């Protein structure tokens, strides 16, 4: 599939270099690599930072956890930004597994009668800067028929069962099993007419993480 700008350029199969899960080891490896790249001996770097050669050796081997002042001194001596000494560290990445039928049923702000929301997982603060809320939505015979939802972010619907006439702004879309609808959620949207019950679909909402 091509985007408006041409071929999508993000490679989903790209693999990053493996990172170290131990922070002290990650910092030590970066210090050693940068020192060697700068063609400095351990004695040279120790002298410039005011550390003993033994202390520097322990840092490079990940044996001890250096203070922030020490890390700052090392970065200054190696002529790199302080954050570069943390670049080899692999932070924990969130992952949530929800078995069938175990999604938490919740009531979202603005929920209409007969709209069941099953939250399929949630990851809090993370480095991506994006919040993702995946829901399984079930509409029954008592469900409201009019669009009343409007919120920030981008939303993706994937229809699983039933048939619905779905409004987004001024447009109506017939959604049937296997259909997808991706849209700016800031426009009024929602099921305007339920044509076949039961109706079930996935709703995946993404929006910027609060800073």
Foldseek 3Di string as FASTA:
>chain_A
DADPVGRDDDDPPDDDDAFDAQQQQLLLCLLVVLCVVVVHDLVRLCVQLVHDSVVNVCSNRSNDDDDPSSLVSSCVSSVHPSCSSRVRHDDDDDDDQADPPRFCWDDDVPDFPQKTWGWGDWDADDDVQKTKTKTKIKGDPGTDQQFDFADAFKKKKAWQAFWFFKDFAPDTDIDHHGDMDIDGRRTTIDTNGGDTPGTIMMMMGMDGHDD
